Amino acid sequence: MANIASAEKANRQSERHRLHNRYYAKTTRNAIRALRNTTDKKAAEADAPKVFAMIDKLAKIGFIHKNKASNLKSGLQVFINKLA
């Protein structure tokens, strides 16, 4: 356990940040899963911008790498384009 005030504050902040990042990551994973389970092209095209924005936000805050974000978005777009 930290004995210095600044270390205690850093621990509090890191715990808040961890929970915040975990929430956004889990929410984005669920949104990606829901989009991949969609069989209707119109619905998928309507949801895609929201999911892409969530992925971009994760890349912006550094939770995932920008190339991973790009690969996720590309894969989702390919999936949407293949829907009938």
PDB file of N, CA and C in Angstrom:
ATOM      1  N   MET A   1       0.848  -1.188   0.000  1.00  0.00           N
ATOM      2  CA  MET A   1       0.000   0.000   0.000  1.00  0.00           C
ATOM      3  C   MET A   1       0.884   1.240   0.000  1.00  0.00           C
ATOM      4  N   ALA A   2       0.421   2.274  -0.661  1.00  0.00           N
ATOM      5  CA  ALA A   2       1.196   3.498  -0.787  1.00  0.00           C
ATOM      6  C   ALA A   2       1.219   4.267   0.526  1.00  0.00           C
ATOM      7  N   ASN A   3       2.383   4.820   0.843  1.00  0.00           N
ATOM      8  CA  ASN A   3       2.545   5.605   2.063  1.00  0.00           C
ATOM      9  C   ASN A   3       2.602   7.097   1.786  1.00  0.00           C
ATOM     10  N   ILE A   4       2.750   7.473   0.531  1.00  0.00           N
ATOM     11  CA  ILE A   4       2.903   8.874   0.159  1.00  0.00           C
ATOM     12  C   ILE A   4       1.593   9.354  -0.457  1.00  0.00           C
ATOM     13  N   ALA A   5       1.230  10.583  -0.137  1.00  0.00           N
ATOM     14  CA  ALA A   5      -0.056  11.125  -0.576  1.00  0.00           C
ATOM     15  C   ALA A   5      -0.192  11.102  -2.092  1.00  0.00           C
ATOM     16  N   SER A   6       0.882  11.446  -2.792  1.00  0.00           N
ATOM     17  CA  SER A   6       0.799  11.470  -4.257  1.00  0.00           C
ATOM     18  C   SER A   6       0.617  10.063  -4.816  1.00  0.00           C
ATOM     19  N   ALA A   7       1.213   9.069  -4.173  1.00  0.00           N
ATOM     20  CA  ALA A   7       1.047   7.679  -4.626  1.00  0.00           C
ATOM     21  C   ALA A   7      -0.371   7.193  -4.355  1.00  0.00           C
ATOM     22  N   GLU A   8      -0.954   7.608  -3.227  1.00  0.00           N
ATOM     23  CA  GLU A   8      -2.336   7.241  -2.927  1.00  0.00           C
ATOM     24  C   GLU A   8      -3.289   7.853  -3.943  1.00  0.00           C
ATOM     25  N   LYS A   9      -3.021   9.121  -4.295  1.00  0.00           N
ATOM     26  CA  LYS A   9      -3.853   9.783  -5.298  1.00  0.00           C
ATOM     27  C   LYS A   9      -3.708   9.095  -6.653  1.00  0.00           C
ATOM     28  N   ALA A  10      -2.490   8.717  -7.012  1.00  0.00           N
ATOM     29  CA  ALA A  10      -2.261   8.023  -8.277  1.00  0.00           C
ATOM     30  C   ALA A  10      -3.021   6.701  -8.304  1.00  0.00           C
ATOM     31  N   ASN A  11      -3.052   6.009  -7.170  1.00  0.00           N
ATOM     32  CA  ASN A  11      -3.807   4.752  -7.093  1.00  0.00           C
ATOM     33  C   ASN A  11      -5.300   4.991  -7.301  1.00  0.00           C
ATOM     34  N   ARG A  12      -5.831   6.037  -6.682  1.00  0.00           N
ATOM     35  CA  ARG A  12      -7.247   6.361  -6.859  1.00  0.00           C
ATOM     36  C   ARG A  12      -7.541   6.686  -8.319  1.00  0.00           C
ATOM     37  N   GLN A  13      -6.676   7.492  -8.926  1.00  0.00           N
ATOM     38  CA  GLN A  13      -6.890   7.882 -10.313  1.00  0.00           C
ATOM     39  C   GLN A  13      -6.801   6.684 -11.252  1.00  0.00           C
ATOM     40  N   SER A  14      -5.815   5.826 -11.025  1.00  0.00           N
ATOM     41  CA  SER A  14      -5.649   4.688 -11.918  1.00  0.00           C
ATOM     42  C   SER A  14      -6.831   3.736 -11.813  1.00  0.00           C
ATOM     43  N   GLU A  15      -7.408   3.596 -10.622  1.00  0.00           N
ATOM     44  CA  GLU A  15      -8.589   2.750 -10.458  1.00  0.00           C
ATOM     45  C   GLU A  15      -9.780   3.342 -11.210  1.00  0.00           C
ATOM     46  N   ARG A  16      -9.969   4.662 -11.125  1.00  0.00           N
ATOM     47  CA  ARG A  16     -11.043   5.323 -11.867  1.00  0.00           C
ATOM     48  C   ARG A  16     -10.840   5.143 -13.372  1.00  0.00           C
ATOM     49  N   HIS A  17      -9.610   5.357 -13.818  1.00  0.00           N
ATOM     50  CA  HIS A  17      -9.323   5.226 -15.247  1.00  0.00           C
ATOM     51  C   HIS A  17      -9.529   3.792 -15.717  1.00  0.00           C
ATOM     52  N   ARG A  18      -9.141   2.822 -14.896  1.00  0.00           N
ATOM     53  CA  ARG A  18      -9.294   1.418 -15.253  1.00  0.00           C
ATOM     54  C   ARG A  18     -10.774   1.072 -15.449  1.00  0.00           C
ATOM     55  N   LEU A  19     -11.614   1.525 -14.519  1.00  0.00           N
ATOM     56  CA  LEU A  19     -13.048   1.252 -14.632  1.00  0.00           C
ATOM     57  C   LEU A  19     -13.658   1.948 -15.845  1.00  0.00           C
ATOM     58  N   HIS A  20     -13.220   3.183 -16.091  1.00  0.00           N
ATOM     59  CA  HIS A  20     -13.706   3.950 -17.225  1.00  0.00           C
ATOM     60  C   HIS A  20     -13.332   3.254 -18.527  1.00  0.00           C
ATOM     61  N   ASN A  21     -12.073   2.846 -18.669  1.00  0.00           N
ATOM     62  CA  ASN A  21     -11.615   2.166 -19.880  1.00  0.00           C
ATOM     63  C   ASN A  21     -12.317   0.825 -20.056  1.00  0.00           C
ATOM     64  N   ARG A  22     -12.518   0.113 -18.949  1.00  0.00           N
ATOM     65  CA  ARG A  22     -13.169  -1.187 -19.004  1.00  0.00           C
ATOM     66  C   ARG A  22     -14.612  -1.052 -19.502  1.00  0.00           C
ATOM     67  N   TYR A  23     -15.296  -0.026 -19.027  1.00  0.00           N
ATOM     68  CA  TYR A  23     -16.673   0.224 -19.459  1.00  0.00           C
ATOM     69  C   TYR A  23     -16.729   0.467 -20.968  1.00  0.00           C
ATOM     70  N   TYR A  24     -15.892   1.374 -21.484  1.00  0.00           N
ATOM     71  CA  TYR A  24     -15.921   1.698 -22.898  1.00  0.00           C
ATOM     72  C   TYR A  24     -15.503   0.514 -23.756  1.00  0.00           C
ATOM     73  N   ALA A  25     -14.508  -0.251 -23.303  1.00  0.00           N
ATOM     74  CA  ALA A  25     -14.058  -1.405 -24.074  1.00  0.00           C
ATOM     75  C   ALA A  25     -15.151  -2.465 -24.146  1.00  0.00           C
ATOM     76  N   LYS A  26     -15.800  -2.741 -23.029  1.00  0.00           N
ATOM     77  CA  LYS A  26     -16.853  -3.763 -23.004  1.00  0.00           C
ATOM     78  C   LYS A  26     -18.047  -3.321 -23.846  1.00  0.00           C
ATOM     79  N   THR A  27     -18.419  -2.055 -23.744  1.00  0.00           N
ATOM     80  CA  THR A  27     -19.537  -1.530 -24.517  1.00  0.00           C
ATOM     81  C   THR A  27     -19.245  -1.626 -26.012  1.00  0.00           C
ATOM     82  N   THR A  28     -18.012  -1.310 -26.396  1.00  0.00           N
ATOM     83  CA  THR A  28     -17.634  -1.386 -27.807  1.00  0.00           C
ATOM     84  C   THR A  28     -17.631  -2.823 -28.294  1.00  0.00           C
ATOM     85  N   ARG A  29     -17.102  -3.743 -27.485  1.00  0.00           N
ATOM     86  CA  ARG A  29     -17.102  -5.161 -27.867  1.00  0.00           C
ATOM     87  C   ARG A  29     -18.527  -5.665 -28.070  1.00  0.00           C
ATOM     88  N   ASN A  30     -19.434  -5.273 -27.188  1.00  0.00           N
ATOM     89  CA  ASN A  30     -20.829  -5.688 -27.333  1.00  0.00           C
ATOM     90  C   ASN A  30     -21.458  -5.108 -28.594  1.00  0.00           C
ATOM     91  N   ALA A  31     -21.124  -3.854 -28.913  1.00  0.00           N
ATOM     92  CA  ALA A  31     -21.666  -3.221 -30.110  1.00  0.00           C
ATOM     93  C   ALA A  31     -21.140  -3.913 -31.366  1.00  0.00           C
ATOM     94  N   ILE A  32     -19.857  -4.275 -31.365  1.00  0.00           N
ATOM     95  CA  ILE A  32     -19.274  -4.986 -32.505  1.00  0.00           C
ATOM     96  C   ILE A  32     -19.950  -6.340 -32.659  1.00  0.00           C
ATOM     97  N   ARG A  33     -20.144  -7.037 -31.548  1.00  0.00           N
ATOM     98  CA  ARG A  33     -20.787  -8.351 -31.577  1.00  0.00           C
ATOM     99  C   ARG A  33     -22.213  -8.230 -32.122  1.00  0.00           C
ATOM    100  N   ALA A  34     -22.938  -7.212 -31.682  1.00  0.00           N
ATOM    101  CA  ALA A  34     -24.309  -7.018 -32.148  1.00  0.00           C
ATOM    102  C   ALA A  34     -24.340  -6.711 -33.645  1.00  0.00           C
ATOM    103  N   LEU A  35     -23.378  -5.910 -34.110  1.00  0.00           N
ATOM    104  CA  LEU A  35     -23.330  -5.577 -35.536  1.00  0.00           C
ATOM    105  C   LEU A  35     -23.023  -6.813 -36.368  1.00  0.00           C
ATOM    106  N   ARG A  36     -22.112  -7.651 -35.888  1.00  0.00           N
ATOM    107  CA  ARG A  36     -21.760  -8.872 -36.620  1.00  0.00           C
ATOM    108  C   ARG A  36     -22.906  -9.883 -36.634  1.00  0.00           C
ATOM    109  N   ASN A  37     -23.798  -9.822 -35.648  1.00  0.00           N
ATOM    110  CA  ASN A  37     -24.926 -10.743 -35.601  1.00  0.00           C
ATOM    111  C   ASN A  37     -26.128 -10.236 -36.390  1.00  0.00           C
ATOM    112  N   THR A  38     -26.018  -9.041 -36.942  1.00  0.00           N
ATOM    113  CA  THR A  38     -27.106  -8.471 -37.723  1.00  0.00           C
ATOM    114  C   THR A  38     -27.184  -9.146 -39.082  1.00  0.00           C
ATOM    115  N   THR A  39     -28.392  -9.444 -39.518  1.00  0.00           N
ATOM    116  CA  THR A  39     -28.583 -10.053 -40.837  1.00  0.00           C
ATOM    117  C   THR A  39     -29.215  -9.077 -41.822  1.00  0.00           C
ATOM    118  N   ASP A  40     -29.682  -7.942 -41.324  1.00  0.00           N
ATOM    119  CA  ASP A  40     -30.324  -6.939 -42.173  1.00  0.00           C
ATOM    120  C   ASP A  40     -29.305  -5.873 -42.568  1.00  0.00           C
ATOM    121  N   LYS A  41     -29.118  -5.690 -43.868  1.00  0.00           N
ATOM    122  CA  LYS A  41     -28.101  -4.754 -44.343  1.00  0.00           C
ATOM    123  C   LYS A  41     -28.426  -3.312 -43.963  1.00  0.00           C
ATOM    124  N   LYS A  42     -29.686  -2.928 -44.073  1.00  0.00           N
ATOM    125  CA  LYS A  42     -30.059  -1.547 -43.733  1.00  0.00           C
ATOM    126  C   LYS A  42     -29.794  -1.238 -42.266  1.00  0.00           C
ATOM    127  N   ALA A  43     -30.128  -2.174 -41.402  1.00  0.00           N
ATOM    128  CA  ALA A  43     -29.885  -1.980 -39.971  1.00  0.00           C
ATOM    129  C   ALA A  43     -28.391  -1.909 -39.684  1.00  0.00           C
ATOM    130  N   ALA A  44     -27.618  -2.751 -40.352  1.00  0.00           N
ATOM    131  CA  ALA A  44     -26.172  -2.751 -40.153  1.00  0.00           C
ATOM    132  C   ALA A  44     -25.560  -1.439 -40.620  1.00  0.00           C
ATOM    133  N   GLU A  45     -26.032  -0.940 -41.773  1.00  0.00           N
ATOM    134  CA  GLU A  45     -25.515   0.332 -42.281  1.00  0.00           C
ATOM    135  C   GLU A  45     -25.894   1.493 -41.369  1.00  0.00           C
ATOM    136  N   ALA A  46     -27.043   1.397 -40.717  1.00  0.00           N
ATOM    137  CA  ALA A  46     -27.473   2.456 -39.809  1.00  0.00           C
ATOM    138  C   ALA A  46     -26.653   2.439 -38.514  1.00  0.00           C
ATOM    139  N   ASP A  47     -26.281   1.252 -38.043  1.00  0.00           N
ATOM    140  CA  ASP A  47     -25.532   1.138 -36.783  1.00  0.00           C
ATOM    141  C   ASP A  47     -24.036   1.335 -36.970  1.00  0.00           C
ATOM    142  N   ALA A  48     -23.537   1.160 -38.175  1.00  0.00           N
ATOM    143  CA  ALA A  48     -22.096   1.201 -38.420  1.00  0.00           C
ATOM    144  C   ALA A  48     -21.423   2.502 -37.965  1.00  0.00           C
ATOM    145  N   PRO A  49     -21.953   3.685 -38.280  1.00  0.00           N
ATOM    146  CA  PRO A  49     -21.260   4.908 -37.850  1.00  0.00           C
ATOM    147  C   PRO A  49     -21.099   5.009 -36.335  1.00  0.00           C
ATOM    148  N   LYS A  50     -22.096   4.546 -35.577  1.00  0.00           N
ATOM    149  CA  LYS A  50     -21.989   4.593 -34.118  1.00  0.00           C
ATOM    150  C   LYS A  50     -20.886   3.668 -33.628  1.00  0.00           C
ATOM    151  N   VAL A  51     -20.834   2.471 -34.204  1.00  0.00           N
ATOM    152  CA  VAL A  51     -19.812   1.501 -33.789  1.00  0.00           C
ATOM    153  C   VAL A  51     -18.427   1.992 -34.200  1.00  0.00           C
ATOM    154  N   PHE A  52     -18.313   2.556 -35.403  1.00  0.00           N
ATOM    155  CA  PHE A  52     -17.029   3.071 -35.855  1.00  0.00           C
ATOM    156  C   PHE A  52     -16.549   4.207 -34.957  1.00  0.00           C
ATOM    157  N   ALA A  53     -17.470   5.046 -34.499  1.00  0.00           N
ATOM    158  CA  ALA A  53     -17.100   6.133 -33.599  1.00  0.00           C
ATOM    159  C   ALA A  53     -16.602   5.583 -32.268  1.00  0.00           C
ATOM    160  N   MET A  54     -17.238   4.511 -31.791  1.00  0.00           N
ATOM    161  CA  MET A  54     -16.795   3.900 -30.533  1.00  0.00           C
ATOM    162  C   MET A  54     -15.383   3.332 -30.688  1.00  0.00           C
ATOM    163  N   ILE A  55     -15.123   2.682 -31.811  1.00  0.00           N
ATOM    164  CA  ILE A  55     -13.792   2.123 -32.061  1.00  0.00           C
ATOM    165  C   ILE A  55     -12.762   3.241 -32.153  1.00  0.00           C
ATOM    166  N   ASP A  56     -13.112   4.328 -32.849  1.00  0.00           N
ATOM    167  CA  ASP A  56     -12.195   5.465 -32.961  1.00  0.00           C
ATOM    168  C   ASP A  56     -11.880   6.067 -31.601  1.00  0.00           C
ATOM    169  N   LYS A  57     -12.871   6.115 -30.726  1.00  0.00           N
ATOM    170  CA  LYS A  57     -12.643   6.679 -29.402  1.00  0.00           C
ATOM    171  C   LYS A  57     -11.676   5.813 -28.609  1.00  0.00           C
ATOM    172  N   LEU A  58     -11.812   4.486 -28.708  1.00  0.00           N
ATOM    173  CA  LEU A  58     -10.876   3.603 -28.014  1.00  0.00           C
ATOM    174  C   LEU A  58      -9.451   3.810 -28.526  1.00  0.00           C
ATOM    175  N   ALA A  59      -9.310   4.020 -29.833  1.00  0.00           N
ATOM    176  CA  ALA A  59      -7.982   4.259 -30.392  1.00  0.00           C
ATOM    177  C   ALA A  59      -7.450   5.625 -29.947  1.00  0.00           C
ATOM    178  N   LYS A  60      -8.339   6.599 -29.861  1.00  0.00           N
ATOM    179  CA  LYS A  60      -7.921   7.949 -29.481  1.00  0.00           C
ATOM    180  C   LYS A  60      -7.398   7.998 -28.052  1.00  0.00           C
ATOM    181  N   ILE A  61      -8.056   7.261 -27.137  1.00  0.00           N
ATOM    182  CA  ILE A  61      -7.613   7.285 -25.749  1.00  0.00           C
ATOM    183  C   ILE A  61      -6.477   6.301 -25.503  1.00  0.00           C
ATOM    184  N   GLY A  62      -6.095   5.554 -26.556  1.00  0.00           N
ATOM    185  CA  GLY A  62      -4.946   4.670 -26.440  1.00  0.00           C
ATOM    186  C   GLY A  62      -5.263   3.299 -25.893  1.00  0.00           C
ATOM    187  N   PHE A  63      -6.530   2.933 -25.825  1.00  0.00           N
ATOM    188  CA  PHE A  63      -6.884   1.624 -25.303  1.00  0.00           C
ATOM    189  C   PHE A  63      -6.557   0.539 -26.314  1.00  0.00           C
ATOM    190  N   ILE A  64      -6.779   0.847 -27.597  1.00  0.00           N
ATOM    191  CA  ILE A  64      -6.343  -0.052 -28.656  1.00  0.00           C
ATOM    192  C   ILE A  64      -5.481   0.750 -29.622  1.00  0.00           C
ATOM    193  N   HIS A  65      -4.648   0.052 -30.384  1.00  0.00           N
ATOM    194  CA  HIS A  65      -3.772   0.713 -31.343  1.00  0.00           C
ATOM    195  C   HIS A  65      -4.592   1.201 -32.535  1.00  0.00           C
ATOM    196  N   LYS A  66      -4.131   2.265 -33.160  1.00  0.00           N
ATOM    197  CA  LYS A  66      -4.877   2.833 -34.284  1.00  0.00           C
ATOM    198  C   LYS A  66      -4.974   1.848 -35.448  1.00  0.00           C
ATOM    199  N   ASN A  67      -3.968   1.001 -35.639  1.00  0.00           N
ATOM    200  CA  ASN A  67      -4.038   0.012 -36.711  1.00  0.00           C
ATOM    201  C   ASN A  67      -5.074  -1.063 -36.399  1.00  0.00           C
ATOM    202  N   LYS A  68      -5.191  -1.440 -35.130  1.00  0.00           N
ATOM    203  CA  LYS A  68      -6.211  -2.409 -34.748  1.00  0.00           C
ATOM    204  C   LYS A  68      -7.599  -1.821 -34.988  1.00  0.00           C
ATOM    205  N   ALA A  69      -7.756  -0.544 -34.661  1.00  0.00           N
ATOM    206  CA  ALA A  69      -9.034   0.119 -34.902  1.00  0.00           C
ATOM    207  C   ALA A  69      -9.362   0.114 -36.395  1.00  0.00           C
ATOM    208  N   SER A  70      -8.358   0.403 -37.211  1.00  0.00           N
ATOM    209  CA  SER A  70      -8.557   0.414 -38.650  1.00  0.00           C
ATOM    210  C   SER A  70      -8.931  -0.971 -39.161  1.00  0.00           C
ATOM    211  N   ASN A  71      -8.263  -2.009 -38.653  1.00  0.00           N
ATOM    212  CA  ASN A  71      -8.568  -3.375 -39.073  1.00  0.00           C
ATOM    213  C   ASN A  71      -9.976  -3.785 -38.656  1.00  0.00           C
ATOM    214  N   LEU A  72     -10.393  -3.401 -37.449  1.00  0.00           N
ATOM    215  CA  LEU A  72     -11.745  -3.717 -36.988  1.00  0.00           C
ATOM    216  C   LEU A  72     -12.788  -3.058 -37.889  1.00  0.00           C
ATOM    217  N   LYS A  73     -12.593  -1.778 -38.173  1.00  0.00           N
ATOM    218  CA  LYS A  73     -13.558  -1.052 -38.998  1.00  0.00           C
ATOM    219  C   LYS A  73     -13.592  -1.623 -40.409  1.00  0.00           C
ATOM    220  N   SER A  74     -12.432  -1.969 -40.944  1.00  0.00           N
ATOM    221  CA  SER A  74     -12.375  -2.541 -42.282  1.00  0.00           C
ATOM    222  C   SER A  74     -13.100  -3.881 -42.329  1.00  0.00           C
ATOM    223  N   GLY A  75     -12.877  -4.713 -41.329  1.00  0.00           N
ATOM    224  CA  GLY A  75     -13.537  -6.011 -41.285  1.00  0.00           C
ATOM    225  C   GLY A  75     -15.038  -5.885 -41.160  1.00  0.00           C
ATOM    226  N   LEU A  76     -15.480  -4.934 -40.363  1.00  0.00           N
ATOM    227  CA  LEU A  76     -16.918  -4.714 -40.215  1.00  0.00           C
ATOM    228  C   LEU A  76     -17.534  -4.211 -41.518  1.00  0.00           C
ATOM    229  N   GLN A  77     -16.815  -3.331 -42.216  1.00  0.00           N
ATOM    230  CA  GLN A  77     -17.335  -2.803 -43.475  1.00  0.00           C
ATOM    231  C   GLN A  77     -17.427  -3.905 -44.517  1.00  0.00           C
ATOM    232  N   VAL A  78     -16.439  -4.789 -44.546  1.00  0.00           N
ATOM    233  CA  VAL A  78     -16.487  -5.930 -45.472  1.00  0.00           C
ATOM    234  C   VAL A  78     -17.699  -6.797 -45.153  1.00  0.00           C
ATOM    235  N   PHE A  79     -17.923  -7.025 -43.854  1.00  0.00           N
ATOM    236  CA  PHE A  79     -19.080  -7.818 -43.444  1.00  0.00           C
ATOM    237  C   PHE A  79     -20.376  -7.171 -43.904  1.00  0.00           C
ATOM    238  N   ILE A  80     -20.499  -5.866 -43.705  1.00  0.00           N
ATOM    239  CA  ILE A  80     -21.716  -5.142 -44.099  1.00  0.00           C
ATOM    240  C   ILE A  80     -21.918  -5.216 -45.617  1.00  0.00           C
ATOM    241  N   ASN A  81     -20.828  -5.072 -46.368  1.00  0.00           N
ATOM    242  CA  ASN A  81     -20.938  -5.090 -47.833  1.00  0.00           C
ATOM    243  C   ASN A  81     -21.375  -6.463 -48.352  1.00  0.00           C
ATOM    244  N   LYS A  82     -21.054  -7.522 -47.612  1.00  0.00           N
ATOM    245  CA  LYS A  82     -21.419  -8.876 -48.056  1.00  0.00           C
ATOM    246  C   LYS A  82     -22.867  -9.233 -47.725  1.00  0.00           C
ATOM    247  N   LEU A  83     -23.501  -8.455 -46.845  1.00  0.00           N
ATOM    248  CA  LEU A  83     -24.895  -8.748 -46.510  1.00  0.00           C
ATOM    249  C   LEU A  83     -25.787  -8.566 -47.724  1.00  0.00           C
ATOM    250  N   ALA A  84     -26.798  -9.411 -47.815  1.00  0.00           N
ATOM    251  CA  ALA A  84     -27.706  -9.344 -48.968  1.00  0.00           C
ATOM    252  C   ALA A  84     -28.821  -8.352 -48.725  1.00  0.00           C
TER     253      ALA A  84
END
